[in-house]
């Protein structure tokens, strides 16, 4: 007996298959564990409702299908990455670069101010 292709079967075909089978082995064999929601196990979650453009939701659904995950997992991962980036401390290199830019601005304005006064 060939194994059923549940993805291609109609609802009626699936029901008929279950009614006529003695073994659930093909079903169990095709099962995969659901990915855990973002965060560590036991992390409290809160339902948040947002409005998104239809085209963006369609793209999210396409990505979720490709990654065999849920839309909410993709959104959660993206938001986690964005928030982490926004609240990350400034690195020493970034701070030194900002100070160099500020020094140049102050020097330029101070030099221009002296030239204007003369």
PDB file of N, CA and C in Angstrom:
ATOM      1  N   UNK A   1       0.840  -1.186   0.000  1.00  0.00           N
ATOM      2  CA  UNK A   1       0.000   0.000   0.000  1.00  0.00           C
ATOM      3  C   UNK A   1       0.884   1.248   0.000  1.00  0.00           C
ATOM      4  N   UNK A   2       0.584   2.195  -0.866  1.00  0.00           N
ATOM      5  CA  UNK A   2       1.370   3.425  -0.930  1.00  0.00           C
ATOM      6  C   UNK A   2       0.980   4.348   0.214  1.00  0.00           C
ATOM      7  N   UNK A   3       1.938   5.142   0.627  1.00  0.00           N
ATOM      8  CA  UNK A   3       1.669   6.068   1.722  1.00  0.00           C
ATOM      9  C   UNK A   3       0.851   7.245   1.206  1.00  0.00           C
ATOM     10  N   UNK A   4      -0.081   7.723   2.012  1.00  0.00           N
ATOM     11  CA  UNK A   4      -0.932   8.829   1.572  1.00  0.00           C
ATOM     12  C   UNK A   4      -0.143  10.130   1.470  1.00  0.00           C
ATOM     13  N   UNK A   5      -0.534  10.955   0.523  1.00  0.00           N
ATOM     14  CA  UNK A   5       0.057  12.286   0.378  1.00  0.00           C
ATOM     15  C   UNK A   5      -0.976  13.285   0.889  1.00  0.00           C
ATOM     16  N   UNK A   6      -0.949  13.520   2.190  1.00  0.00           N
ATOM     17  CA  UNK A   6      -1.972  14.346   2.820  1.00  0.00           C
ATOM     18  C   UNK A   6      -2.019  15.764   2.265  1.00  0.00           C
ATOM     19  N   UNK A   7      -0.881  16.264   1.803  1.00  0.00           N
ATOM     20  CA  UNK A   7      -0.850  17.620   1.245  1.00  0.00           C
ATOM     21  C   UNK A   7      -1.650  17.736  -0.048  1.00  0.00           C
ATOM     22  N   UNK A   8      -1.753  16.643  -0.784  1.00  0.00           N
ATOM     23  CA  UNK A   8      -2.460  16.677  -2.067  1.00  0.00           C
ATOM     24  C   UNK A   8      -3.869  16.103  -1.999  1.00  0.00           C
ATOM     25  N   UNK A   9      -4.199  15.472  -0.886  1.00  0.00           N
ATOM     26  CA  UNK A   9      -5.511  14.839  -0.762  1.00  0.00           C
ATOM     27  C   UNK A   9      -6.578  15.861  -0.394  1.00  0.00           C
ATOM     28  N   UNK A  10      -7.782  15.602  -0.883  1.00  0.00           N
ATOM     29  CA  UNK A  10      -8.916  16.442  -0.493  1.00  0.00           C
ATOM     30  C   UNK A  10      -9.352  16.040   0.912  1.00  0.00           C
ATOM     31  N   UNK A  11     -10.181  16.861   1.509  1.00  0.00           N
ATOM     32  CA  UNK A  11     -10.687  16.566   2.848  1.00  0.00           C
ATOM     33  C   UNK A  11     -11.410  15.215   2.853  1.00  0.00           C
ATOM     34  N   UNK A  12     -12.235  14.966   1.848  1.00  0.00           N
ATOM     35  CA  UNK A  12     -12.975  13.706   1.770  1.00  0.00           C
ATOM     36  C   UNK A  12     -12.039  12.509   1.615  1.00  0.00           C
ATOM     37  N   UNK A  13     -10.965  12.671   0.856  1.00  0.00           N
ATOM     38  CA  UNK A  13      -9.999  11.585   0.690  1.00  0.00           C
ATOM     39  C   UNK A  13      -9.278  11.287   2.009  1.00  0.00           C
ATOM     40  N   UNK A  14      -8.957  12.324   2.744  1.00  0.00           N
ATOM     41  CA  UNK A  14      -8.295  12.132   4.041  1.00  0.00           C
ATOM     42  C   UNK A  14      -9.228  11.396   4.997  1.00  0.00           C
ATOM     43  N   UNK A  15     -10.485  11.826   5.060  1.00  0.00           N
ATOM     44  CA  UNK A  15     -11.467  11.173   5.930  1.00  0.00           C
ATOM     45  C   UNK A  15     -11.620   9.709   5.536  1.00  0.00           C
ATOM     46  N   UNK A  16     -11.746   9.434   4.232  1.00  0.00           N
ATOM     47  CA  UNK A  16     -11.892   8.052   3.761  1.00  0.00           C
ATOM     48  C   UNK A  16     -10.656   7.231   4.125  1.00  0.00           C
ATOM     49  N   UNK A  17      -9.463   7.829   3.994  1.00  0.00           N
ATOM     50  CA  UNK A  17      -8.240   7.111   4.337  1.00  0.00           C
ATOM     51  C   UNK A  17      -8.259   6.702   5.808  1.00  0.00           C
ATOM     52  N   UNK A  18      -8.620   7.645   6.690  1.00  0.00           N
ATOM     53  CA  UNK A  18      -8.658   7.341   8.122  1.00  0.00           C
ATOM     54  C   UNK A  18      -9.703   6.279   8.443  1.00  0.00           C
ATOM     55  N   UNK A  19     -10.811   6.285   7.724  1.00  0.00           N
ATOM     56  CA  UNK A  19     -11.864   5.301   7.976  1.00  0.00           C
ATOM     57  C   UNK A  19     -11.451   3.903   7.530  1.00  0.00           C
ATOM     58  N   UNK A  20     -10.568   3.809   6.552  1.00  0.00           N
ATOM     59  CA  UNK A  20     -10.208   2.517   5.981  1.00  0.00           C
ATOM     60  C   UNK A  20      -8.826   2.008   6.379  1.00  0.00           C
ATOM     61  N   UNK A  21      -8.148   2.676   7.284  1.00  0.00           N
ATOM     62  CA  UNK A  21      -6.795   2.242   7.649  1.00  0.00           C
ATOM     63  C   UNK A  21      -6.786   1.586   9.024  1.00  0.00           C
ATOM     64  N   UNK A  22      -5.846   0.695   9.188  1.00  0.00           N
ATOM     65  CA  UNK A  22      -5.648   0.038  10.483  1.00  0.00           C
ATOM     66  C   UNK A  22      -4.398   0.568  11.176  1.00  0.00           C
ATOM     67  N   UNK A  23      -3.603   1.349  10.465  1.00  0.00           N
ATOM     68  CA  UNK A  23      -2.335   1.814  11.025  1.00  0.00           C
ATOM     69  C   UNK A  23      -2.185   3.319  10.830  1.00  0.00           C
ATOM     70  N   UNK A  24      -1.796   3.990  11.886  1.00  0.00           N
ATOM     71  CA  UNK A  24      -1.535   5.432  11.800  1.00  0.00           C
ATOM     72  C   UNK A  24      -0.055   5.722  11.574  1.00  0.00           C
ATOM     73  N   UNK A  25       0.714   4.693  11.283  1.00  0.00           N
ATOM     74  CA  UNK A  25       2.155   4.852  11.082  1.00  0.00           C
ATOM     75  C   UNK A  25       2.490   5.913  10.029  1.00  0.00           C
ATOM     76  N   UNK A  26       1.803   5.954   8.868  1.00  0.00           N
ATOM     77  CA  UNK A  26       2.140   6.995   7.898  1.00  0.00           C
ATOM     78  C   UNK A  26       1.902   8.413   8.434  1.00  0.00           C
ATOM     79  N   UNK A  27       0.874   8.564   9.255  1.00  0.00           N
ATOM     80  CA  UNK A  27       0.590   9.877   9.832  1.00  0.00           C
ATOM     81  C   UNK A  27       1.690  10.254  10.807  1.00  0.00           C
ATOM     82  N   UNK A  28       2.031   9.333  11.683  1.00  0.00           N
ATOM     83  CA  UNK A  28       3.057   9.597  12.686  1.00  0.00           C
ATOM     84  C   UNK A  28       4.405   9.849  12.015  1.00  0.00           C
ATOM     85  N   UNK A  29       4.697   9.098  10.968  1.00  0.00           N
ATOM     86  CA  UNK A  29       5.956   9.251  10.245  1.00  0.00           C
ATOM     87  C   UNK A  29       6.070  10.634   9.602  1.00  0.00           C
ATOM     88  N   UNK A  30       4.941  11.191   9.155  1.00  0.00           N
ATOM     89  CA  UNK A  30       4.973  12.486   8.474  1.00  0.00           C
ATOM     90  C   UNK A  30       4.952  13.672   9.429  1.00  0.00           C
ATOM     91  N   UNK A  31       4.750  13.415  10.716  1.00  0.00           N
ATOM     92  CA  UNK A  31       4.641  14.506  11.687  1.00  0.00           C
ATOM     93  C   UNK A  31       6.008  15.074  12.034  1.00  0.00           C
ATOM     94  N   UNK A  32       6.042  16.379  12.247  1.00  0.00           N
ATOM     95  CA  UNK A  32       7.242  17.049  12.732  1.00  0.00           C
ATOM     96  C   UNK A  32       6.846  17.876  13.950  1.00  0.00           C
ATOM     97  N   UNK A  33       7.791  18.090  14.824  1.00  0.00           N
ATOM     98  CA  UNK A  33       7.510  18.890  16.014  1.00  0.00           C
ATOM     99  C   UNK A  33       7.299  20.340  15.620  1.00  0.00           C
ATOM    100  N   UNK A  34       6.336  20.966  16.260  1.00  0.00           N
ATOM    101  CA  UNK A  34       6.093  22.381  16.017  1.00  0.00           C
ATOM    102  C   UNK A  34       7.227  23.182  16.633  1.00  0.00           C
ATOM    103  N   UNK A  35       7.675  24.226  15.935  1.00  0.00           N
ATOM    104  CA  UNK A  35       8.736  25.038  16.513  1.00  0.00           C
ATOM    105  C   UNK A  35       8.232  25.745  17.770  1.00  0.00           C
ATOM    106  N   UNK A  36       9.105  25.875  18.735  1.00  0.00           N
ATOM    107  CA  UNK A  36       8.727  26.574  19.967  1.00  0.00           C
ATOM    108  C   UNK A  36       8.568  28.055  19.679  1.00  0.00           C
ATOM    109  N   UNK A  37       7.606  28.703  20.308  1.00  0.00           N
ATOM    110  CA  UNK A  37       7.474  30.141  20.114  1.00  0.00           C
ATOM    111  C   UNK A  37       8.749  30.837  20.582  1.00  0.00           C
ATOM    112  N   UNK A  38       8.984  32.047  20.066  1.00  0.00           N
ATOM    113  CA  UNK A  38      10.190  32.797  20.411  1.00  0.00           C
ATOM    114  C   UNK A  38      10.367  32.945  21.906  1.00  0.00           C
ATOM    115  N   UNK A  39      11.597  33.086  22.295  1.00  0.00           N
ATOM    116  CA  UNK A  39      11.889  33.210  23.713  1.00  0.00           C
ATOM    117  C   UNK A  39      12.158  31.850  24.325  1.00  0.00           C
ATOM    118  N   UNK A  40      12.641  31.893  25.514  1.00  0.00           N
ATOM    119  CA  UNK A  40      12.946  30.660  26.234  1.00  0.00           C
ATOM    120  C   UNK A  40      11.655  29.967  26.642  1.00  0.00           C
ATOM    121  N   UNK A  41      11.703  28.653  26.811  1.00  0.00           N
ATOM    122  CA  UNK A  41      10.497  27.959  27.272  1.00  0.00           C
ATOM    123  C   UNK A  41      10.001  28.585  28.578  1.00  0.00           C
ATOM    124  N   UNK A  42       8.710  28.772  28.650  1.00  0.00           N
ATOM    125  CA  UNK A  42       8.128  29.357  29.849  1.00  0.00           C
ATOM    126  C   UNK A  42       8.097  30.876  29.839  1.00  0.00           C
ATOM    127  N   UNK A  43       8.619  31.501  28.770  1.00  0.00           N
ATOM    128  CA  UNK A  43       8.587  32.957  28.685  1.00  0.00           C
ATOM    129  C   UNK A  43       7.139  33.401  28.550  1.00  0.00           C
ATOM    130  N   UNK A  44       6.695  34.302  29.414  1.00  0.00           N
ATOM    131  CA  UNK A  44       5.306  34.764  29.288  1.00  0.00           C
ATOM    132  C   UNK A  44       5.106  35.502  27.963  1.00  0.00           C
ATOM    133  N   UNK A  45       3.975  35.272  27.354  1.00  0.00           N
ATOM    134  CA  UNK A  45       3.647  35.913  26.079  1.00  0.00           C
ATOM    135  C   UNK A  45       2.408  36.781  26.258  1.00  0.00           C
ATOM    136  N   UNK A  46       2.315  37.818  25.428  1.00  0.00           N
ATOM    137  CA  UNK A  46       1.159  38.694  25.423  1.00  0.00           C
ATOM    138  C   UNK A  46       0.692  38.826  23.979  1.00  0.00           C
ATOM    139  N   UNK A  47      -0.601  38.724  23.771  1.00  0.00           N
ATOM    140  CA  UNK A  47      -1.167  38.882  22.439  1.00  0.00           C
ATOM    141  C   UNK A  47      -1.194  40.365  22.090  1.00  0.00           C
ATOM    142  N   UNK A  48      -0.632  40.710  20.932  1.00  0.00           N
ATOM    143  CA  UNK A  48      -0.595  42.083  20.455  1.00  0.00           C
ATOM    144  C   UNK A  48      -1.204  42.093  19.059  1.00  0.00           C
ATOM    145  N   UNK A  49      -2.107  42.993  18.838  1.00  0.00           N
ATOM    146  CA  UNK A  49      -2.776  43.076  17.544  1.00  0.00           C
ATOM    147  C   UNK A  49      -2.257  44.294  16.790  1.00  0.00           C
ATOM    148  N   UNK A  50      -1.867  44.090  15.525  1.00  0.00           N
ATOM    149  CA  UNK A  50      -1.402  45.192  14.686  1.00  0.00           C
ATOM    150  C   UNK A  50      -2.050  45.078  13.316  1.00  0.00           C
ATOM    151  N   UNK A  51      -2.099  46.182  12.629  1.00  0.00           N
ATOM    152  CA  UNK A  51      -2.607  46.185  11.247  1.00  0.00           C
ATOM    153  C   UNK A  51      -1.424  46.295  10.300  1.00  0.00           C
ATOM    154  N   UNK A  52      -1.415  45.424   9.296  1.00  0.00           N
ATOM    155  CA  UNK A  52      -0.349  45.400   8.305  1.00  0.00           C
ATOM    156  C   UNK A  52      -0.959  45.417   6.912  1.00  0.00           C
ATOM    157  N   UNK A  53      -0.245  45.966   5.940  1.00  0.00           N
ATOM    158  CA  UNK A  53      -0.743  45.913   4.566  1.00  0.00           C
ATOM    159  C   UNK A  53      -0.905  44.457   4.103  1.00  0.00           C
ATOM    160  N   UNK A  54      -1.923  44.217   3.321  1.00  0.00           N
ATOM    161  CA  UNK A  54      -2.214  42.863   2.835  1.00  0.00           C
ATOM    162  C   UNK A  54      -0.993  42.272   2.131  1.00  0.00           C
ATOM    163  N   UNK A  55      -0.323  43.073   1.319  1.00  0.00           N
ATOM    164  CA  UNK A  55       0.830  42.558   0.573  1.00  0.00           C
ATOM    165  C   UNK A  55       1.944  42.101   1.518  1.00  0.00           C
ATOM    166  N   UNK A  56       2.135  42.812   2.630  1.00  0.00           N
ATOM    167  CA  UNK A  56       3.152  42.415   3.598  1.00  0.00           C
ATOM    168  C   UNK A  56       2.780  41.101   4.273  1.00  0.00           C
ATOM    169  N   UNK A  57       1.523  40.930   4.616  1.00  0.00           N
ATOM    170  CA  UNK A  57       1.063  39.689   5.236  1.00  0.00           C
ATOM    171  C   UNK A  57       1.234  38.525   4.253  1.00  0.00           C
ATOM    172  N   UNK A  58       0.945  38.771   2.986  1.00  0.00           N
ATOM    173  CA  UNK A  58       1.128  37.720   1.981  1.00  0.00           C
ATOM    174  C   UNK A  58       2.598  37.323   1.881  1.00  0.00           C
ATOM    175  N   UNK A  59       3.495  38.322   1.932  1.00  0.00           N
ATOM    176  CA  UNK A  59       4.929  38.021   1.894  1.00  0.00           C
ATOM    177  C   UNK A  59       5.352  37.253   3.149  1.00  0.00           C
ATOM    178  N   UNK A  60       4.834  37.657   4.298  1.00  0.00           N
ATOM    179  CA  UNK A  60       5.136  36.942   5.543  1.00  0.00           C
ATOM    180  C   UNK A  60       4.674  35.491   5.463  1.00  0.00           C
ATOM    181  N   UNK A  61       3.463  35.281   4.950  1.00  0.00           N
ATOM    182  CA  UNK A  61       2.934  33.923   4.822  1.00  0.00           C
ATOM    183  C   UNK A  61       3.795  33.086   3.887  1.00  0.00           C
ATOM    184  N   UNK A  62       4.260  33.690   2.805  1.00  0.00           N
ATOM    185  CA  UNK A  62       5.131  32.982   1.862  1.00  0.00           C
ATOM    186  C   UNK A  62       6.442  32.583   2.550  1.00  0.00           C
ATOM    187  N   UNK A  63       7.027  33.527   3.295  1.00  0.00           N
ATOM    188  CA  UNK A  63       8.260  33.217   4.022  1.00  0.00           C
ATOM    189  C   UNK A  63       8.031  32.137   5.070  1.00  0.00           C
ATOM    190  N   UNK A  64       6.913  32.212   5.759  1.00  0.00           N
ATOM    191  CA  UNK A  64       6.596  31.212   6.781  1.00  0.00           C
ATOM    192  C   UNK A  64       6.461  29.830   6.152  1.00  0.00           C
ATOM    193  N   UNK A  65       5.802  29.761   4.997  1.00  0.00           N
ATOM    194  CA  UNK A  65       5.670  28.477   4.305  1.00  0.00           C
ATOM    195  C   UNK A  65       7.036  27.925   3.921  1.00  0.00           C
ATOM    196  N   UNK A  66       7.893  28.791   3.387  1.00  0.00           N
ATOM    197  CA  UNK A  66       9.229  28.352   2.974  1.00  0.00           C
ATOM    198  C   UNK A  66      10.060  27.865   4.152  1.00  0.00           C
ATOM    199  N   UNK A  67       9.909  28.528   5.290  1.00  0.00           N
ATOM    200  CA  UNK A  67      10.702  28.179   6.471  1.00  0.00           C
ATOM    201  C   UNK A  67      10.014  27.150   7.355  1.00  0.00           C
ATOM    202  N   UNK A  68       8.839  26.704   6.942  1.00  0.00           N
ATOM    203  CA  UNK A  68       8.054  25.747   7.736  1.00  0.00           C
ATOM    204  C   UNK A  68       7.887  26.252   9.168  1.00  0.00           C
ATOM    205  N   UNK A  69       7.475  27.490   9.277  1.00  0.00           N
ATOM    206  CA  UNK A  69       7.258  28.109  10.573  1.00  0.00           C
ATOM    207  C   UNK A  69       5.978  28.925  10.520  1.00  0.00           C
ATOM    208  N   UNK A  70       5.716  29.669  11.565  1.00  0.00           N
ATOM    209  CA  UNK A  70       4.504  30.473  11.616  1.00  0.00           C
ATOM    210  C   UNK A  70       4.814  31.941  11.358  1.00  0.00           C
ATOM    211  N   UNK A  71       3.826  32.633  10.849  1.00  0.00           N
ATOM    212  CA  UNK A  71       3.937  34.069  10.601  1.00  0.00           C
ATOM    213  C   UNK A  71       4.369  34.795  11.873  1.00  0.00           C
ATOM    214  N   UNK A  72       3.761  34.450  12.988  1.00  0.00           N
ATOM    215  CA  UNK A  72       4.070  35.143  14.242  1.00  0.00           C
ATOM    216  C   UNK A  72       5.524  34.926  14.663  1.00  0.00           C
ATOM    217  N   UNK A  73       6.101  33.759  14.340  1.00  0.00           N
ATOM    218  CA  UNK A  73       7.508  33.520  14.677  1.00  0.00           C
ATOM    219  C   UNK A  73       8.418  34.464  13.901  1.00  0.00           C
ATOM    220  N   UNK A  74       8.092  34.688  12.633  1.00  0.00           N
ATOM    221  CA  UNK A  74       8.892  35.593  11.809  1.00  0.00           C
ATOM    222  C   UNK A  74       8.783  37.019  12.338  1.00  0.00           C
ATOM    223  N   UNK A  75       7.572  37.449  12.637  1.00  0.00           N
ATOM    224  CA  UNK A  75       7.366  38.803  13.160  1.00  0.00           C
ATOM    225  C   UNK A  75       8.081  38.948  14.504  1.00  0.00           C
ATOM    226  N   UNK A  76       7.957  37.952  15.370  1.00  0.00           N
ATOM    227  CA  UNK A  76       8.598  38.001  16.688  1.00  0.00           C
ATOM    228  C   UNK A  76      10.109  38.094  16.554  1.00  0.00           C
ATOM    229  N   UNK A  77      10.700  37.286  15.661  1.00  0.00           N
ATOM    230  CA  UNK A  77      12.150  37.317  15.454  1.00  0.00           C
ATOM    231  C   UNK A  77      12.602  38.674  14.909  1.00  0.00           C
ATOM    232  N   UNK A  78      11.836  39.221  13.966  1.00  0.00           N
ATOM    233  CA  UNK A  78      12.192  40.517  13.390  1.00  0.00           C
ATOM    234  C   UNK A  78      12.118  41.623  14.436  1.00  0.00           C
ATOM    235  N   UNK A  79      11.072  41.615  15.238  1.00  0.00           N
ATOM    236  CA  UNK A  79      10.929  42.640  16.279  1.00  0.00           C
ATOM    237  C   UNK A  79      12.003  42.487  17.359  1.00  0.00           C
ATOM    238  N   UNK A  80      12.315  41.257  17.715  1.00  0.00           N
ATOM    239  CA  UNK A  80      13.362  41.013  18.705  1.00  0.00           C
ATOM    240  C   UNK A  80      14.692  41.578  18.215  1.00  0.00           C
ATOM    241  N   UNK A  81      15.012  41.322  16.952  1.00  0.00           N
ATOM    242  CA  UNK A  81      16.253  41.823  16.370  1.00  0.00           C
ATOM    243  C   UNK A  81      16.264  43.351  16.324  1.00  0.00           C
ATOM    244  N   UNK A  82      15.147  43.943  15.912  1.00  0.00           N
ATOM    245  CA  UNK A  82      15.053  45.402  15.822  1.00  0.00           C
ATOM    246  C   UNK A  82      15.221  46.047  17.195  1.00  0.00           C
ATOM    247  N   UNK A  83      14.501  45.541  18.185  1.00  0.00           N
ATOM    248  CA  UNK A  83      14.571  46.118  19.534  1.00  0.00           C
ATOM    249  C   UNK A  83      15.990  45.955  20.094  1.00  0.00           C
ATOM    250  N   UNK A  84      16.593  44.790  19.913  1.00  0.00           N
ATOM    251  CA  UNK A  84      17.955  44.567  20.409  1.00  0.00           C
ATOM    252  C   UNK A  84      18.923  45.553  19.768  1.00  0.00           C
ATOM    253  N   UNK A  85      18.753  45.813  18.482  1.00  0.00           N
ATOM    254  CA  UNK A  85      19.614  46.758  17.775  1.00  0.00           C
ATOM    255  C   UNK A  85      19.416  48.185  18.296  1.00  0.00           C
ATOM    256  N   UNK A  86      18.176  48.543  18.585  1.00  0.00           N
ATOM    257  CA  UNK A  86      17.870  49.903  19.028  1.00  0.00           C
ATOM    258  C   UNK A  86      18.344  50.194  20.443  1.00  0.00           C
ATOM    259  N   UNK A  87      18.363  49.175  21.303  1.00  0.00           N
ATOM    260  CA  UNK A  87      18.732  49.410  22.698  1.00  0.00           C
ATOM    261  C   UNK A  87      20.165  48.995  23.004  1.00  0.00           C
ATOM    262  N   UNK A  88      20.873  48.488  21.999  1.00  0.00           N
ATOM    263  CA  UNK A  88      22.255  48.059  22.212  1.00  0.00           C
ATOM    264  C   UNK A  88      23.112  49.279  22.553  1.00  0.00           C
ATOM    265  N   UNK A  89      24.044  49.110  23.472  1.00  0.00           N
ATOM    266  CA  UNK A  89      24.924  50.236  23.806  1.00  0.00           C
ATOM    267  C   UNK A  89      25.814  50.591  22.617  1.00  0.00           C
ATOM    268  N   UNK A  90      26.226  51.832  22.576  1.00  0.00           N
ATOM    269  CA  UNK A  90      27.101  52.299  21.502  1.00  0.00           C
ATOM    270  C   UNK A  90      28.481  51.697  21.731  1.00  0.00           C
ATOM    271  N   UNK A  91      29.063  51.168  20.667  1.00  0.00           N
ATOM    272  CA  UNK A  91      30.393  50.577  20.794  1.00  0.00           C
ATOM    273  C   UNK A  91      31.431  51.690  20.924  1.00  0.00           C
ATOM    274  N   UNK A  92      32.609  51.333  21.385  1.00  0.00           N
ATOM    275  CA  UNK A  92      33.676  52.318  21.541  1.00  0.00           C
ATOM    276  C   UNK A  92      34.050  52.918  20.189  1.00  0.00           C
ATOM    277  N   UNK A  93      34.094  52.097  19.136  1.00  0.00           N
ATOM    278  CA  UNK A  93      34.417  52.597  17.799  1.00  0.00           C
ATOM    279  C   UNK A  93      33.385  53.627  17.337  1.00  0.00           C
ATOM    280  N   UNK A  94      32.090  53.325  17.564  1.00  0.00           N
ATOM    281  CA  UNK A  94      31.035  54.263  17.170  1.00  0.00           C
ATOM    282  C   UNK A  94      31.137  55.568  17.957  1.00  0.00           C
ATOM    283  N   UNK A  95      31.433  55.461  19.244  1.00  0.00           N
ATOM    284  CA  UNK A  95      31.552  56.656  20.079  1.00  0.00           C
ATOM    285  C   UNK A  95      32.740  57.508  19.641  1.00  0.00           C
ATOM    286  N   UNK A  96      33.871  56.872  19.370  1.00  0.00           N
ATOM    287  CA  UNK A  96      35.052  57.619  18.929  1.00  0.00           C
ATOM    288  C   UNK A  96      34.805  58.284  17.584  1.00  0.00           C
ATOM    289  N   UNK A  97      34.114  57.595  16.683  1.00  0.00           N
ATOM    290  CA  UNK A  97      33.786  58.186  15.382  1.00  0.00           C
ATOM    291  C   UNK A  97      32.887  59.409  15.562  1.00  0.00           C
ATOM    292  N   UNK A  98      31.868  59.288  16.426  1.00  0.00           N
ATOM    293  CA  UNK A  98      30.967  60.413  16.683  1.00  0.00           C
ATOM    294  C   UNK A  98      31.728  61.592  17.268  1.00  0.00           C
ATOM    295  N   UNK A  99      32.666  61.321  18.192  1.00  0.00           N
ATOM    296  CA  UNK A  99      33.472  62.406  18.770  1.00  0.00           C
ATOM    297  C   UNK A  99      34.342  63.078  17.714  1.00  0.00           C
ATOM    298  N   UNK A 100      34.924  62.295  16.803  1.00  0.00           N
ATOM    299  CA  UNK A 100      35.729  62.865  15.715  1.00  0.00           C
ATOM    300  C   UNK A 100      34.886  63.790  14.847  1.00  0.00           C
ATOM    301  N   UNK A 101      33.677  63.347  14.516  1.00  0.00           N
ATOM    302  CA  UNK A 101      32.779  64.180  13.701  1.00  0.00           C
ATOM    303  C   UNK A 101      32.449  65.469  14.446  1.00  0.00           C
ATOM    304  N   UNK A 102      32.119  65.356  15.732  1.00  0.00           N
ATOM    305  CA  UNK A 102      31.806  66.551  16.522  1.00  0.00           C
ATOM    306  C   UNK A 102      32.997  67.502  16.607  1.00  0.00           C
ATOM    307  N   UNK A 103      34.205  66.972  16.781  1.00  0.00           N
ATOM    308  CA  UNK A 103      35.406  67.823  16.832  1.00  0.00           C
ATOM    309  C   UNK A 103      35.585  68.593  15.526  1.00  0.00           C
ATOM    310  N   UNK A 104      35.376  67.908  14.398  1.00  0.00           N
ATOM    311  CA  UNK A 104      35.502  68.580  13.101  1.00  0.00           C
ATOM    312  C   UNK A 104      34.466  69.683  12.953  1.00  0.00           C
ATOM    313  N   UNK A 105      33.228  69.419  13.387  1.00  0.00           N
ATOM    314  CA  UNK A 105      32.168  70.424  13.287  1.00  0.00           C
ATOM    315  C   UNK A 105      32.513  71.632  14.151  1.00  0.00           C
ATOM    316  N   UNK A 106      32.931  71.382  15.381  1.00  0.00           N
ATOM    317  CA  UNK A 106      33.277  72.485  16.289  1.00  0.00           C
ATOM    318  C   UNK A 106      34.456  73.269  15.735  1.00  0.00           C
ATOM    319  N   UNK A 107      35.474  72.584  15.257  1.00  0.00           N
ATOM    320  CA  UNK A 107      36.649  73.258  14.690  1.00  0.00           C
ATOM    321  C   UNK A 107      36.257  74.108  13.490  1.00  0.00           C
ATOM    322  N   UNK A 108      35.435  73.566  12.602  1.00  0.00           N
ATOM    323  CA  UNK A 108      34.998  74.300  11.407  1.00  0.00           C
ATOM    324  C   UNK A 108      34.212  75.541  11.805  1.00  0.00           C
ATOM    325  N   UNK A 109      33.292  75.418  12.727  1.00  0.00           N
ATOM    326  CA  UNK A 109      32.469  76.564  13.136  1.00  0.00           C
ATOM    327  C   UNK A 109      33.292  77.600  13.891  1.00  0.00           C
ATOM    328  N   UNK A 110      34.225  77.133  14.704  1.00  0.00           N
ATOM    329  CA  UNK A 110      35.069  78.068  15.448  1.00  0.00           C
ATOM    330  C   UNK A 110      35.956  78.840  14.496  1.00  0.00           C
ATOM    331  N   UNK A 111      36.546  78.147  13.518  1.00  0.00           N
ATOM    332  CA  UNK A 111      37.401  78.786  12.531  1.00  0.00           C
ATOM    333  C   UNK A 111      36.608  79.777  11.687  1.00  0.00           C
ATOM    334  N   UNK A 112      35.402  79.403  11.272  1.00  0.00           N
ATOM    335  CA  UNK A 112      34.537  80.289  10.475  1.00  0.00           C
ATOM    336  C   UNK A 112      34.134  81.504  11.293  1.00  0.00           C
ATOM    337  N   UNK A 113      33.842  81.313  12.581  1.00  0.00           N
ATOM    338  CA  UNK A 113      33.449  82.414  13.443  1.00  0.00           C
ATOM    339  C   UNK A 113      34.556  83.447  13.590  1.00  0.00           C
ATOM    340  N   UNK A 114      35.791  82.994  13.678  1.00  0.00           N
ATOM    341  CA  UNK A 114      36.943  83.905  13.764  1.00  0.00           C
ATOM    342  C   UNK A 114      37.141  84.661  12.458  1.00  0.00           C
ATOM    343  N   UNK A 115      36.936  83.945  11.344  1.00  0.00           N
ATOM    344  CA  UNK A 115      37.113  84.581  10.050  1.00  0.00           C
ATOM    345  C   UNK A 115      36.043  85.639   9.835  1.00  0.00           C
ATOM    346  N   UNK A 116      34.802  85.346  10.269  1.00  0.00           N
ATOM    347  CA  UNK A 116      33.706  86.313  10.120  1.00  0.00           C
ATOM    348  C   UNK A 116      33.937  87.536  10.988  1.00  0.00           C
ATOM    349  N   UNK A 117      34.535  87.365  12.158  1.00  0.00           N
ATOM    350  CA  UNK A 117      34.764  88.470  13.075  1.00  0.00           C
ATOM    351  C   UNK A 117      35.871  89.368  12.588  1.00  0.00           C
ATOM    352  N   UNK A 118      36.779  88.848  11.799  1.00  0.00           N
ATOM    353  CA  UNK A 118      37.940  89.636  11.336  1.00  0.00           C
ATOM    354  C   UNK A 118      37.599  90.560  10.223  1.00  0.00           C
TER     355      UNK A 118
END
